[in-house]
PDB file of N, CA and C in Angstrom:
ATOM      1  N   MET A   1     209.826 122.085  55.768  1.00  0.00           N
ATOM      2  CA  MET A   1     208.670 121.301  55.245  1.00  0.00           C
ATOM      3  C   MET A   1     207.411 122.064  55.589  1.00  0.00           C
ATOM      4  N   THR A   2     206.459 122.041  54.600  1.00  0.00           N
ATOM      5  CA  THR A   2     205.246 122.744  54.809  1.00  0.00           C
ATOM      6  C   THR A   2     204.116 121.726  54.623  1.00  0.00           C
ATOM      7  N   TRP A   3     203.084 121.911  55.456  1.00  0.00           N
ATOM      8  CA  TRP A   3     201.853 121.061  55.507  1.00  0.00           C
ATOM      9  C   TRP A   3     200.824 121.795  54.772  1.00  0.00           C
ATOM     10  N   ILE A   4     200.139 121.157  53.813  1.00  0.00           N
ATOM     11  CA  ILE A   4     198.982 121.846  53.100  1.00  0.00           C
ATOM     12  C   ILE A   4     197.895 120.705  53.053  1.00  0.00           C
ATOM     13  N   THR A   5     196.668 121.086  53.307  1.00  0.00           N
ATOM     14  CA  THR A   5     195.529 120.079  53.330  1.00  0.00           C
ATOM     15  C   THR A   5     194.563 120.415  52.152  1.00  0.00           C
ATOM     16  N   ALA A   6     193.893 119.437  51.790  1.00  0.00           N
ATOM     17  CA  ALA A   6     192.796 119.495  50.797  1.00  0.00           C
ATOM     18  C   ALA A   6     191.705 118.500  51.223  1.00  0.00           C
ATOM     19  N   ALA A   7     190.463 118.990  51.042  1.00  0.00           N
ATOM     20  CA  ALA A   7     189.399 118.050  51.492  1.00  0.00           C
ATOM     21  C   ALA A   7     189.004 117.067  50.366  1.00  0.00           C
ATOM     22  N   LEU A   8     188.599 115.937  50.785  1.00  0.00           N
ATOM     23  CA  LEU A   8     188.196 114.925  49.837  1.00  0.00           C
ATOM     24  C   LEU A   8     186.665 115.196  49.422  1.00  0.00           C
ATOM     25  N   GLY A   9     186.414 115.221  48.168  1.00  0.00           N
ATOM     26  CA  GLY A   9     185.041 115.548  47.731  1.00  0.00           C
ATOM     27  C   GLY A   9     184.141 114.340  47.719  1.00  0.00           C
ATOM     28  N   PRO A  10     182.879 114.487  47.399  1.00  0.00           N
ATOM     29  CA  PRO A  10     181.982 113.436  47.455  1.00  0.00           C
ATOM     30  C   PRO A  10     182.255 112.271  46.555  1.00  0.00           C
ATOM     31  N   LYS A  11     183.018 112.490  45.411  1.00  0.00           N
ATOM     32  CA  LYS A  11     183.434 111.422  44.495  1.00  0.00           C
ATOM     33  C   LYS A  11     184.813 110.951  44.713  1.00  0.00           C
ATOM     34  N   GLY A  12     185.438 111.262  45.892  1.00  0.00           N
ATOM     35  CA  GLY A  12     186.723 110.828  46.295  1.00  0.00           C
ATOM     36  C   GLY A  12     187.860 111.557  45.482  1.00  0.00           C
ATOM     37  N   GLN A  13     187.521 112.782  45.100  1.00  0.00           N
ATOM     38  CA  GLN A  13     188.534 113.635  44.394  1.00  0.00           C
ATOM     39  C   GLN A  13     188.913 114.716  45.197  1.00  0.00           C
ATOM     40  N   ILE A  14     190.167 115.303  44.887  1.00  0.00           N
ATOM     41  CA  ILE A  14     190.610 116.487  45.578  1.00  0.00           C
ATOM     42  C   ILE A  14     191.021 117.452  44.471  1.00  0.00           C
ATOM     43  N   THR A  15     191.091 118.730  44.815  1.00  0.00           N
ATOM     44  CA  THR A  15     191.676 119.724  43.960  1.00  0.00           C
ATOM     45  C   THR A  15     193.112 120.037  44.551  1.00  0.00           C
ATOM     46  N   LEU A  16     194.035 119.915  43.801  1.00  0.00           N
ATOM     47  CA  LEU A  16     195.363 120.234  44.108  1.00  0.00           C
ATOM     48  C   LEU A  16     195.508 121.795  44.526  1.00  0.00           C
ATOM     49  N   PRO A  17     195.970 122.100  45.681  1.00  0.00           N
ATOM     50  CA  PRO A  17     196.071 123.529  46.107  1.00  0.00           C
ATOM     51  C   PRO A  17     197.015 124.222  45.105  1.00  0.00           C
ATOM     52  N   LYS A  18     196.784 125.481  44.868  1.00  0.00           N
ATOM     53  CA  LYS A  18     197.580 126.285  43.982  1.00  0.00           C
ATOM     54  C   LYS A  18     199.086 126.169  44.318  1.00  0.00           C
ATOM     55  N   ARG A  19     199.469 126.149  45.513  1.00  0.00           N
ATOM     56  CA  ARG A  19     200.896 126.095  45.859  1.00  0.00           C
ATOM     57  C   ARG A  19     201.499 124.784  45.497  1.00  0.00           C
ATOM     58  N   VAL A  20     200.697 123.661  45.543  1.00  0.00           N
ATOM     59  CA  VAL A  20     201.141 122.398  45.167  1.00  0.00           C
ATOM     60  C   VAL A  20     201.418 122.290  43.685  1.00  0.00           C
ATOM     61  N   ARG A  21     200.371 122.924  42.905  1.00  0.00           N
ATOM     62  CA  ARG A  21     200.433 122.982  41.521  1.00  0.00           C
ATOM     63  C   ARG A  21     201.663 123.703  40.976  1.00  0.00           C
ATOM     64  N   GLU A  22     201.902 124.815  41.688  1.00  0.00           N
ATOM     65  CA  GLU A  22     203.078 125.701  41.376  1.00  0.00           C
ATOM     66  C   GLU A  22     204.380 125.032  41.552  1.00  0.00           C
ATOM     67  N   MET A  23     204.410 124.301  42.660  1.00  0.00           N
ATOM     68  CA  MET A  23     205.698 123.588  43.057  1.00  0.00           C
ATOM     69  C   MET A  23     205.905 122.409  42.063  1.00  0.00           C
ATOM     70  N   LEU A  24     204.905 121.768  41.562  1.00  0.00           N
ATOM     71  CA  LEU A  24     205.003 120.635  40.667  1.00  0.00           C
ATOM     72  C   LEU A  24     205.262 121.141  39.194  1.00  0.00           C
ATOM     73  N   GLY A  25     204.928 122.498  38.929  1.00  0.00           N
ATOM     74  CA  GLY A  25     205.015 123.043  37.630  1.00  0.00           C
ATOM     75  C   GLY A  25     203.809 122.626  36.780  1.00  0.00           C
ATOM     76  N   MET A  26     202.675 122.414  37.458  1.00  0.00           N
ATOM     77  CA  MET A  26     201.425 122.053  36.738  1.00  0.00           C
ATOM     78  C   MET A  26     200.847 123.338  36.245  1.00  0.00           C
ATOM     79  N   LYS A  27     200.560 123.372  34.881  1.00  0.00           N
ATOM     80  CA  LYS A  27     200.116 124.649  34.311  1.00  0.00           C
ATOM     81  C   LYS A  27     198.813 124.601  33.584  1.00  0.00           C
ATOM     82  N   GLU A  28     198.488 123.329  33.071  1.00  0.00           N
ATOM     83  CA  GLU A  28     197.275 123.182  32.235  1.00  0.00           C
ATOM     84  C   GLU A  28     196.632 121.883  32.447  1.00  0.00           C
ATOM     85  N   ALA A  29     195.330 121.973  32.062  1.00  0.00           N
ATOM     86  CA  ALA A  29     194.549 120.640  32.087  1.00  0.00           C
ATOM     87  C   ALA A  29     195.270 119.654  31.283  1.00  0.00           C
ATOM     88  N   GLY A  30     195.290 118.391  31.736  1.00  0.00           N
ATOM     89  CA  GLY A  30     195.913 117.331  31.023  1.00  0.00           C
ATOM     90  C   GLY A  30     197.350 117.026  31.523  1.00  0.00           C
ATOM     91  N   ASP A  31     198.028 117.993  32.294  1.00  0.00           N
ATOM     92  CA  ASP A  31     199.287 117.676  32.910  1.00  0.00           C
ATOM     93  C   ASP A  31     199.172 116.447  33.725  1.00  0.00           C
ATOM     94  N   LEU A  32     200.183 115.560  33.698  1.00  0.00           N
ATOM     95  CA  LEU A  32     200.021 114.294  34.388  1.00  0.00           C
ATOM     96  C   LEU A  32     200.861 114.296  35.715  1.00  0.00           C
ATOM     97  N   ILE A  33     200.184 113.754  36.777  1.00  0.00           N
ATOM     98  CA  ILE A  33     200.783 113.649  38.145  1.00  0.00           C
ATOM     99  C   ILE A  33     200.964 112.153  38.396  1.00  0.00           C
ATOM    100  N   GLY A  34     202.097 111.789  38.971  1.00  0.00           N
ATOM    101  CA  GLY A  34     202.493 110.460  39.276  1.00  0.00           C
ATOM    102  C   GLY A  34     202.358 110.356  40.796  1.00  0.00           C
ATOM    103  N   PHE A  35     201.803 109.248  41.295  1.00  0.00           N
ATOM    104  CA  PHE A  35     201.658 108.913  42.689  1.00  0.00           C
ATOM    105  C   PHE A  35     202.651 107.793  43.048  1.00  0.00           C
ATOM    106  N   VAL A  36     203.553 108.142  44.016  1.00  0.00           N
ATOM    107  CA  VAL A  36     204.465 107.132  44.525  1.00  0.00           C
ATOM    108  C   VAL A  36     203.975 106.589  45.894  1.00  0.00           C
ATOM    109  N   LEU A  37     203.564 105.326  45.856  1.00  0.00           N
ATOM    110  CA  LEU A  37     202.898 104.838  47.055  1.00  0.00           C
ATOM    111  C   LEU A  37     203.944 103.983  47.864  1.00  0.00           C
ATOM    112  N   ASP A  38     203.905 104.333  49.238  1.00  0.00           N
ATOM    113  CA  ASP A  38     204.757 103.481  50.082  1.00  0.00           C
ATOM    114  C   ASP A  38     203.790 102.733  51.105  1.00  0.00           C
ATOM    115  N   GLU A  39     203.600 101.430  50.707  1.00  0.00           N
ATOM    116  CA  GLU A  39     202.553 100.745  51.457  1.00  0.00           C
ATOM    117  C   GLU A  39     203.065 100.648  52.973  1.00  0.00           C
ATOM    118  N   GLU A  40     204.340 100.405  53.210  1.00  0.00           N
ATOM    119  CA  GLU A  40     204.768 100.232  54.494  1.00  0.00           C
ATOM    120  C   GLU A  40     204.511 101.389  55.434  1.00  0.00           C
ATOM    121  N   THR A  41     204.548 102.669  55.005  1.00  0.00           N
ATOM    122  CA  THR A  41     204.292 103.892  55.778  1.00  0.00           C
ATOM    123  C   THR A  41     202.856 104.359  55.544  1.00  0.00           C
ATOM    124  N   THR A  42     202.238 103.832  54.586  1.00  0.00           N
ATOM    125  CA  THR A  42     200.934 104.357  53.986  1.00  0.00           C
ATOM    126  C   THR A  42     201.012 105.858  53.627  1.00  0.00           C
ATOM    127  N   SER A  43     202.165 106.116  53.062  1.00  0.00           N
ATOM    128  CA  SER A  43     202.383 107.624  52.620  1.00  0.00           C
ATOM    129  C   SER A  43     202.328 107.600  51.068  1.00  0.00           C
ATOM    130  N   VAL A  44     202.085 108.840  50.524  1.00  0.00           N
ATOM    131  CA  VAL A  44     201.954 108.981  49.064  1.00  0.00           C
ATOM    132  C   VAL A  44     202.789 110.253  48.773  1.00  0.00           C
ATOM    133  N   ARG A  45     203.689 110.196  47.695  1.00  0.00           N
ATOM    134  CA  ARG A  45     204.269 111.420  47.242  1.00  0.00           C
ATOM    135  C   ARG A  45     203.816 111.579  45.794  1.00  0.00           C
ATOM    136  N   LEU A  46     203.714 112.888  45.476  1.00  0.00           N
ATOM    137  CA  LEU A  46     203.338 113.355  44.096  1.00  0.00           C
ATOM    138  C   LEU A  46     204.518 113.798  43.378  1.00  0.00           C
ATOM    139  N   THR A  47     204.499 113.595  42.060  1.00  0.00           N
ATOM    140  CA  THR A  47     205.609 114.053  41.143  1.00  0.00           C
ATOM    141  C   THR A  47     204.986 114.412  39.834  1.00  0.00           C
ATOM    142  N   ARG A  48     205.379 115.382  39.172  1.00  0.00           N
ATOM    143  CA  ARG A  48     204.897 115.631  37.794  1.00  0.00           C
ATOM    144  C   ARG A  48     205.473 114.597  36.909  1.00  0.00           C
ATOM    145  N   MET A  49     204.621 114.058  35.934  1.00  0.00           N
ATOM    146  CA  MET A  49     205.034 113.052  34.995  1.00  0.00           C
ATOM    147  C   MET A  49     204.984 113.764  33.637  1.00  0.00           C
ATOM    148  N   GLU A  50     205.953 113.257  32.822  1.00  0.00           N
ATOM    149  CA  GLU A  50     205.967 113.756  31.426  1.00  0.00           C
ATOM    150  C   GLU A  50     206.360 112.592  30.504  1.00  0.00           C
ATOM    151  N   VAL A  51     205.538 112.404  29.531  1.00  0.00           N
ATOM    152  CA  VAL A  51     205.810 111.310  28.594  1.00  0.00           C
ATOM    153  C   VAL A  51     206.734 111.866  27.475  1.00  0.00           C
ATOM    154  N   ARG A  52     207.806 111.222  27.330  1.00  0.00           N
ATOM    155  CA  ARG A  52     208.828 111.598  26.339  1.00  0.00           C
ATOM    156  C   ARG A  52     209.608 110.319  25.990  1.00  0.00           C
ATOM    157  N   PRO A  53     210.093 110.284  24.771  1.00  0.00           N
ATOM    158  CA  PRO A  53     210.905 109.089  24.478  1.00  0.00           C
ATOM    159  C   PRO A  53     212.282 109.121  25.096  1.00  0.00           C
ATOM    160  N   ALA A  54     212.681 107.919  25.500  1.00  0.00           N
ATOM    161  CA  ALA A  54     213.984 107.753  26.196  1.00  0.00           C
ATOM    162  C   ALA A  54     215.143 108.014  25.176  1.00  0.00           C
ATOM    163  N   GLY A  55     214.908 107.841  23.957  1.00  0.00           N
ATOM    164  CA  GLY A  55     215.851 107.939  22.820  1.00  0.00           C
ATOM    165  C   GLY A  55     215.099 108.454  21.662  1.00  0.00           C
ATOM    166  N   GLU A  56     215.827 108.207  20.462  1.00  0.00           N
ATOM    167  CA  GLU A  56     215.144 108.687  19.212  1.00  0.00           C
ATOM    168  C   GLU A  56     214.625 107.522  18.448  1.00  0.00           C
ATOM    169  N   ASN A  57     214.453 106.349  19.069  1.00  0.00           N
ATOM    170  CA  ASN A  57     213.981 105.144  18.340  1.00  0.00           C
ATOM    171  C   ASN A  57     212.517 105.049  18.271  1.00  0.00           C
ATOM    172  N   TYR A  58     211.772 106.027  18.958  1.00  0.00           N
ATOM    173  CA  TYR A  58     210.224 105.941  18.853  1.00  0.00           C
ATOM    174  C   TYR A  58     209.751 106.521  17.573  1.00  0.00           C
ATOM    175  N   THR A  59     208.811 106.025  16.880  1.00  0.00           N
ATOM    176  CA  THR A  59     208.143 106.677  15.838  1.00  0.00           C
ATOM    177  C   THR A  59     207.008 107.666  16.433  1.00  0.00           C
ATOM    178  N   GLU A  60     206.543 108.553  15.605  1.00  0.00           N
ATOM    179  CA  GLU A  60     205.460 109.447  16.036  1.00  0.00           C
ATOM    180  C   GLU A  60     204.257 108.729  16.422  1.00  0.00           C
ATOM    181  N   GLU A  61     203.960 107.623  15.803  1.00  0.00           N
ATOM    182  CA  GLU A  61     202.824 106.679  16.153  1.00  0.00           C
ATOM    183  C   GLU A  61     203.034 106.062  17.521  1.00  0.00           C
ATOM    184  N   GLU A  62     204.239 105.566  17.774  1.00  0.00           N
ATOM    185  CA  GLU A  62     204.439 104.978  19.108  1.00  0.00           C
ATOM    186  C   GLU A  62     204.331 106.023  20.225  1.00  0.00           C
ATOM    187  N   LEU A  63     204.875 107.148  20.003  1.00  0.00           N
ATOM    188  CA  LEU A  63     204.943 108.281  21.000  1.00  0.00           C
ATOM    189  C   LEU A  63     203.486 108.645  21.149  1.00  0.00           C
ATOM    190  N   ARG A  64     202.581 108.790  20.162  1.00  0.00           N
ATOM    191  CA  ARG A  64     201.190 109.063  20.316  1.00  0.00           C
ATOM    192  C   ARG A  64     200.497 107.995  21.205  1.00  0.00           C
ATOM    193  N   LYS A  65     200.860 106.730  21.006  1.00  0.00           N
ATOM    194  CA  LYS A  65     200.260 105.664  21.867  1.00  0.00           C
ATOM    195  C   LYS A  65     200.668 105.768  23.316  1.00  0.00           C
ATOM    196  N   LEU A  66     201.901 106.072  23.539  1.00  0.00           N
ATOM    197  CA  LEU A  66     202.393 106.242  24.916  1.00  0.00           C
ATOM    198  C   LEU A  66     201.632 107.419  25.576  1.00  0.00           C
ATOM    199  N   LYS A  67     201.493 108.516  24.871  1.00  0.00           N
ATOM    200  CA  LYS A  67     200.716 109.558  25.559  1.00  0.00           C
ATOM    201  C   LYS A  67     199.338 109.272  25.816  1.00  0.00           C
ATOM    202  N   LYS A  68     198.756 108.500  24.909  1.00  0.00           N
ATOM    203  CA  LYS A  68     197.327 108.124  25.078  1.00  0.00           C
ATOM    204  C   LYS A  68     197.220 107.209  26.416  1.00  0.00           C
ATOM    205  N   LEU A  69     198.203 106.306  26.521  1.00  0.00           N
ATOM    206  CA  LEU A  69     198.180 105.436  27.651  1.00  0.00           C
ATOM    207  C   LEU A  69     198.289 106.155  28.902  1.00  0.00           C
ATOM    208  N   ALA A  70     199.202 107.142  28.947  1.00  0.00           N
ATOM    209  CA  ALA A  70     199.494 107.941  30.128  1.00  0.00           C
ATOM    210  C   ALA A  70     198.315 108.840  30.561  1.00  0.00           C
ATOM    211  N   LYS A  71     197.402 109.175  29.683  1.00  0.00           N
ATOM    212  CA  LYS A  71     196.237 109.941  29.948  1.00  0.00           C
ATOM    213  C   LYS A  71     194.997 109.129  30.195  1.00  0.00           C
ATOM    214  N   THR A  72     195.193 107.818  30.155  1.00  0.00           N
ATOM    215  CA  THR A  72     193.971 106.885  30.539  1.00  0.00           C
ATOM    216  C   THR A  72     193.590 107.044  31.939  1.00  0.00           C
ATOM    217  N   PRO A  73     192.220 107.383  32.162  1.00  0.00           N
ATOM    218  CA  PRO A  73     191.791 107.716  33.582  1.00  0.00           C
ATOM    219  C   PRO A  73     191.939 106.360  34.391  1.00  0.00           C
ATOM    220  N   GLY A  74     192.368 106.555  35.656  1.00  0.00           N
ATOM    221  CA  GLY A  74     192.545 105.354  36.524  1.00  0.00           C
ATOM    222  C   GLY A  74     193.825 104.691  36.420  1.00  0.00           C
ATOM    223  N   GLY A  75     194.558 104.988  35.414  1.00  0.00           N
ATOM    224  CA  GLY A  75     195.867 104.298  35.200  1.00  0.00           C
ATOM    225  C   GLY A  75     195.714 102.849  34.914  1.00  0.00           C
ATOM    226  N   LYS A  76     196.832 102.185  34.767  1.00  0.00           N
ATOM    227  CA  LYS A  76     196.833 100.728  34.454  1.00  0.00           C
ATOM    228  C   LYS A  76     198.250 100.222  35.077  1.00  0.00           C
ATOM    229  N   LYS A  77     198.116  99.072  35.657  1.00  0.00           N
ATOM    230  CA  LYS A  77     199.318  98.377  36.250  1.00  0.00           C
ATOM    231  C   LYS A  77     199.734  97.283  35.403  1.00  0.00           C
ATOM    232  N   PHE A  78     201.083  97.045  35.308  1.00  0.00           N
ATOM    233  CA  PHE A  78     201.656  96.011  34.499  1.00  0.00           C
ATOM    234  C   PHE A  78     202.628  95.274  35.374  1.00  0.00           C
ATOM    235  N   ALA A  79     202.639  94.024  35.391  1.00  0.00           N
ATOM    236  CA  ALA A  79     203.524  93.307  36.307  1.00  0.00           C
ATOM    237  C   ALA A  79     204.874  93.141  35.660  1.00  0.00           C
ATOM    238  N   THR A  80     205.003  93.216  34.326  1.00  0.00           N
ATOM    239  CA  THR A  80     206.270  93.166  33.700  1.00  0.00           C
ATOM    240  C   THR A  80     206.397  94.169  32.503  1.00  0.00           C
ATOM    241  N   ALA A  81     207.590  94.479  32.103  1.00  0.00           N
ATOM    242  CA  ALA A  81     207.800  95.340  31.010  1.00  0.00           C
ATOM    243  C   ALA A  81     207.200  94.690  29.698  1.00  0.00           C
ATOM    244  N   GLU A  82     207.287  93.339  29.617  1.00  0.00           N
ATOM    245  CA  GLU A  82     206.706  92.800  28.488  1.00  0.00           C
ATOM    246  C   GLU A  82     205.215  92.892  28.349  1.00  0.00           C
ATOM    247  N   GLU A  83     204.498  92.811  29.557  1.00  0.00           N
ATOM    248  CA  GLU A  83     203.024  93.052  29.459  1.00  0.00           C
ATOM    249  C   GLU A  83     202.722  94.501  29.070  1.00  0.00           C
ATOM    250  N   PHE A  84     203.530  95.436  29.457  1.00  0.00           N
ATOM    251  CA  PHE A  84     203.417  96.901  29.056  1.00  0.00           C
ATOM    252  C   PHE A  84     203.604  96.947  27.601  1.00  0.00           C
ATOM    253  N   LEU A  85     204.673  96.423  27.070  1.00  0.00           N
ATOM    254  CA  LEU A  85     204.926  96.452  25.589  1.00  0.00           C
ATOM    255  C   LEU A  85     203.818  95.906  24.688  1.00  0.00           C
ATOM    256  N   GLN A  86     203.263  94.766  25.219  1.00  0.00           N
ATOM    257  CA  GLN A  86     202.143  94.041  24.599  1.00  0.00           C
ATOM    258  C   GLN A  86     200.923  94.972  24.502  1.00  0.00           C
ATOM    259  N   HIS A  87     200.637  95.693  25.597  1.00  0.00           N
ATOM    260  CA  HIS A  87     199.544  96.559  25.664  1.00  0.00           C
ATOM    261  C   HIS A  87     199.699  97.715  24.734  1.00  0.00           C
ATOM    262  N   ILE A  88     200.935  98.247  24.631  1.00  0.00           N
ATOM    263  CA  ILE A  88     201.181  99.436  23.709  1.00  0.00           C
ATOM    264  C   ILE A  88     200.930  98.997  22.320  1.00  0.00           C
ATOM    265  N   LYS A  89     201.294  97.798  21.935  1.00  0.00           N
ATOM    266  CA  LYS A  89     201.097  97.182  20.522  1.00  0.00           C
ATOM    267  C   LYS A  89     199.647  97.172  20.193  1.00  0.00           C
ATOM    268  N   LYS A  90     198.758  96.906  21.225  1.00  0.00           N
ATOM    269  CA  LYS A  90     197.401  96.808  20.962  1.00  0.00           C
ATOM    270  C   LYS A  90     196.710  98.162  20.786  1.00  0.00           C
ATOM    271  N   LEU A  91     197.210  99.180  21.227  1.00  0.00           N
ATOM    272  CA  LEU A  91     196.687 100.512  21.131  1.00  0.00           C
ATOM    273  C   LEU A  91     196.530 101.006  19.664  1.00  0.00           C
TER     274      LEU A  91
END
């Protein structure tokens, strides 16, 4: 296990250290990072996120909407899958 630190900037942002970006396979602006929160231990894990269809049932338009949602700053939470699907239909 390796420890790496990054300072929090004045706007609450950090720059991912090069070694972290390399480990996650982050190569370009717009690459998505997922945050896995464990409220019990107050720990956070990072993972690279990739938007791709689970099957071949998505149209190009639906896939475009999914990618747009994934890149929305600040993210969005949905209590149920139904709420998520309703949101996608509105895009």
